[in-house]
Amino acid sequence: MDEHIRNNIIRVLDKATKSIKEDNIKQLKDLSNETIHDATIYQDEYSITVAVLIYSLSKIYERETHYGKFKGWKIFCFDCFRGLEVAKEKLVANDLQGFEKVMKQYTATLEKIDKKLKVHIQDVFRKARINKASRLYEHGLSVGRTAELLGINKFEVMDYIGKTYIADVKENITIDSIERLKFSRSLFR
């Protein structure tokens, strides 16, 4: 793993645990979006996995009043929070295999909870992958490459993109080059 990516993921995981402690769901979503930027540049699975995980957690904690009624909710929350801390510790120690293992344990955590809650949370994770795929596409990756990176069907990505109108956004119109030059010169007078 690239050192820049590792340091960024450590920073994001640290902020994510703080956001969960402070019940700051908006910051969790923002952290996920920051990570997607790196994922677009480096196209690495670790940034993508962390972005999807943090976005999923933001959606899950956002619905705490609903999910909190299910058996196993508190265990799930504790395991998720502790998992983020352990993942960060593994990366700080440069233990990539341990980090990967912790990321895979999130799915094992789902086995401990109520079946109804499990279905809801699995749906959140699936939708989070599609949402983050659309953000990767928005940053310039092709639909095929995006679907490949996230392990989802490209038709799901295209369907979601079509509903969000990301593909219809026109490119930014810039100021004429002569006007930009005049403006630049005015700054140095």
Protein backbone atom coordinates (compact mmCIF):
# COMPACT_ATOMS: atom_id res chain seq x y z
CA MET A 1 0.00 0.00 0.00
CA ASP A 2 1.26 3.44 -0.91
CA GLU A 3 2.43 5.47 2.11
CA HIS A 4 0.20 8.43 1.21
CA ILE A 5 -2.87 6.19 1.02
CA ARG A 6 -1.98 4.47 4.31
CA ASN A 7 -1.57 7.81 6.12
CA ASN A 8 -4.81 9.14 4.66
CA ILE A 9 -6.76 6.05 5.70
CA ILE A 10 -5.29 6.26 9.22
CA ARG A 11 -6.40 9.92 9.40
CA VAL A 12 -9.87 9.07 8.10
CA LEU A 13 -10.32 6.15 10.51
CA ASP A 14 -9.22 8.35 13.40
CA LYS A 15 -11.71 11.08 12.44
CA ALA A 16 -14.43 8.45 11.89
CA THR A 17 -14.10 7.07 15.41
CA LYS A 18 -14.23 10.61 16.80
CA SER A 19 -17.30 11.35 14.68
CA ILE A 20 -19.06 8.26 15.99
CA LYS A 21 -18.24 9.20 19.59
CA GLU A 22 -19.59 12.71 18.98
CA ASP A 23 -22.58 11.36 17.00
CA ASN A 24 -21.56 13.55 14.05
CA ILE A 25 -23.09 11.74 11.09
CA LYS A 26 -22.47 14.55 8.62
CA GLN A 27 -18.73 14.37 9.28
CA LEU A 28 -18.83 10.61 8.58
CA LYS A 29 -20.36 11.29 5.16
CA ASP A 30 -17.79 14.00 4.47
CA LEU A 31 -14.95 11.64 5.41
CA SER A 32 -16.31 9.08 2.99
CA ASN A 33 -16.33 11.67 0.21
CA GLU A 34 -12.74 12.67 1.00
CA THR A 35 -11.68 9.06 0.71
CA ILE A 36 -13.44 8.70 -2.64
CA HIS A 37 -11.21 11.48 -3.98
CA ASP A 38 -8.11 9.39 -3.16
CA ALA A 39 -9.80 6.27 -4.50
CA THR A 40 -10.33 8.03 -7.82
CA ILE A 41 -6.72 9.12 -8.08
CA TYR A 42 -5.06 5.91 -6.95
CA GLN A 43 -7.85 3.44 -7.77
CA ASP A 44 -6.93 1.32 -4.77
CA GLU A 45 -9.27 -1.12 -3.09
CA TYR A 46 -8.42 0.03 0.44
CA SER A 47 -9.61 3.61 -0.02
CA ILE A 48 -12.75 2.35 -1.72
CA THR A 49 -13.45 -0.17 1.03
CA VAL A 50 -13.01 2.45 3.75
CA ALA A 51 -15.17 4.98 1.85
CA VAL A 52 -18.01 2.46 1.45
CA LEU A 53 -17.71 1.32 5.06
CA ILE A 54 -17.77 4.82 6.52
CA TYR A 55 -20.64 5.91 4.28
CA SER A 56 -22.56 2.78 5.28
CA LEU A 57 -21.95 3.48 8.94
CA SER A 58 -23.19 7.04 8.48
CA LYS A 59 -26.41 5.74 6.96
CA ILE A 60 -26.80 3.09 9.66
CA TYR A 61 -26.21 5.51 12.54
CA GLU A 62 -28.50 8.02 10.85
CA ARG A 63 -31.32 5.50 11.28
CA GLU A 64 -30.41 4.58 14.85
CA THR A 65 -33.90 5.29 16.17
CA HIS A 66 -35.27 2.67 13.79
CA TYR A 67 -32.49 0.08 13.98
CA GLY A 68 -32.04 0.48 17.73
CA LYS A 69 -35.21 -1.54 18.28
CA PHE A 70 -33.65 -4.69 16.85
CA LYS A 71 -31.88 -7.34 18.92
CA GLY A 72 -28.12 -7.11 18.55
CA TRP A 73 -28.01 -3.40 17.70
CA LYS A 74 -25.71 -2.47 20.58
CA ILE A 75 -23.37 -5.39 19.82
CA PHE A 76 -23.23 -4.34 16.18
CA CYS A 77 -22.44 -0.72 17.12
CA PHE A 78 -19.72 -1.75 19.56
CA ASP A 79 -18.16 -4.17 17.05
CA CYS A 80 -18.20 -1.52 14.31
CA PHE A 81 -16.61 1.11 16.50
CA ARG A 82 -13.99 -1.27 17.84
CA GLY A 83 -13.34 -2.54 14.31
CA LEU A 84 -12.47 0.98 13.14
CA GLU A 85 -10.07 1.40 16.04
CA VAL A 86 -8.39 -1.97 15.40
CA ALA A 87 -8.15 -1.26 11.66
CA LYS A 88 -6.39 2.01 12.42
CA GLU A 89 -4.02 0.27 14.85
CA LYS A 90 -3.17 -2.34 12.20
CA LEU A 91 -2.35 0.34 9.65
CA VAL A 92 -0.28 2.32 12.13
CA ALA A 93 1.70 -0.88 12.78
CA ASN A 94 1.94 -1.35 8.98
CA ASP A 95 0.11 -4.72 9.30
CA LEU A 96 -1.70 -4.81 5.96
CA GLN A 97 -2.93 -8.38 6.38
CA GLY A 98 -4.37 -7.53 9.78
CA PHE A 99 -6.09 -4.48 8.28
CA GLU A 100 -7.63 -6.61 5.52
CA LYS A 101 -8.81 -9.15 8.09
CA VAL A 102 -10.52 -6.44 10.16
CA MET A 103 -12.28 -5.10 7.06
CA LYS A 104 -13.59 -8.59 6.27
CA GLN A 105 -14.81 -9.05 9.84
CA TYR A 106 -17.49 -6.44 9.30
CA THR A 107 -19.48 -9.00 7.35
CA ALA A 108 -18.94 -11.54 10.15
CA THR A 109 -20.39 -9.00 12.59
CA LEU A 110 -23.66 -9.19 10.67
CA GLU A 111 -24.04 -12.85 11.68
CA LYS A 112 -24.45 -11.84 15.35
CA ILE A 113 -27.51 -9.66 14.87
CA ASP A 114 -31.22 -10.10 14.36
CA LYS A 115 -32.21 -11.39 10.91
CA LYS A 116 -34.39 -8.37 10.14
CA LEU A 117 -31.65 -5.94 11.13
CA LYS A 118 -29.14 -7.99 9.12
CA VAL A 119 -31.24 -7.60 5.97
CA HIS A 120 -31.51 -3.83 6.50
CA ILE A 121 -27.79 -3.39 7.10
CA GLN A 122 -26.81 -5.56 4.14
CA ASP A 123 -29.08 -3.41 1.99
CA VAL A 124 -27.38 -0.27 3.31
CA PHE A 125 -23.95 -1.69 2.41
CA ARG A 126 -25.15 -2.65 -1.10
CA LYS A 127 -26.62 0.80 -1.70
CA ALA A 128 -23.50 2.46 -0.30
CA ARG A 129 -21.34 0.60 -2.84
CA ILE A 130 -23.60 1.83 -5.65
CA ASN A 131 -23.58 5.38 -4.29
CA LYS A 132 -19.79 5.45 -4.03
CA ALA A 133 -19.57 3.98 -7.51
CA SER A 134 -21.51 6.94 -8.81
CA ARG A 135 -19.10 9.29 -7.01
CA LEU A 136 -16.12 7.55 -8.63
CA TYR A 137 -17.85 7.95 -11.99
CA GLU A 138 -18.50 11.61 -11.19
CA HIS A 139 -14.75 12.02 -10.57
CA GLY A 140 -13.96 10.67 -14.04
CA LEU A 141 -13.66 6.88 -13.85
CA SER A 142 -15.55 4.85 -16.42
CA VAL A 143 -18.66 2.94 -15.41
CA GLY A 144 -16.93 -0.37 -16.19
CA ARG A 145 -13.84 0.42 -14.11
CA THR A 146 -15.98 1.75 -11.27
CA ALA A 147 -18.12 -1.39 -11.20
CA GLU A 148 -15.00 -3.54 -11.31
CA LEU A 149 -13.37 -1.70 -8.38
CA LEU A 150 -16.48 -2.03 -6.22
CA GLY A 151 -17.42 -5.55 -7.29
CA ILE A 152 -20.89 -4.62 -8.45
CA ASN A 153 -22.85 -4.87 -11.68
CA LYS A 154 -22.22 -1.96 -14.07
CA PHE A 155 -25.92 -1.87 -14.93
CA GLU A 156 -26.71 -1.05 -11.29
CA VAL A 157 -24.20 1.79 -11.48
CA MET A 158 -25.65 3.08 -14.76
CA ASP A 159 -29.19 2.89 -13.37
CA TYR A 160 -28.20 4.89 -10.29
CA ILE A 161 -26.25 7.44 -12.34
CA GLY A 162 -29.27 7.88 -14.61
CA LYS A 163 -31.50 8.62 -11.64
CA THR A 164 -29.09 11.17 -10.17
CA TYR A 165 -28.44 12.99 -13.47
CA ILE A 166 -24.67 12.95 -12.90
CA ALA A 167 -24.12 12.17 -16.58
CA ASP A 168 -26.19 15.19 -17.63
CA VAL A 169 -24.07 17.78 -15.84
CA LYS A 170 -22.47 20.11 -18.36
CA GLU A 171 -18.80 20.84 -18.17
CA ASN A 172 -17.83 24.04 -16.47
CA ILE A 173 -17.63 27.06 -18.72
CA THR A 174 -14.49 29.03 -18.08
CA ILE A 175 -13.67 32.65 -18.65
CA ASP A 176 -12.18 33.51 -22.02
CA SER A 177 -8.36 33.20 -22.01
CA ILE A 178 -7.86 36.91 -22.80
CA GLU A 179 -10.08 37.88 -19.86
CA ARG A 180 -8.17 35.50 -17.58
CA LEU A 181 -4.88 37.06 -18.67
CA LYS A 182 -6.20 40.57 -17.99
CA PHE A 183 -7.38 39.50 -14.57
CA SER A 184 -4.05 37.85 -13.77
CA ARG A 185 -2.14 40.97 -14.76
CA SER A 186 -4.41 43.11 -12.62
CA LEU A 187 -3.42 41.07 -9.57
CA PHE A 188 0.24 42.13 -9.91
CA ARG A 189 -0.28 45.85 -10.37
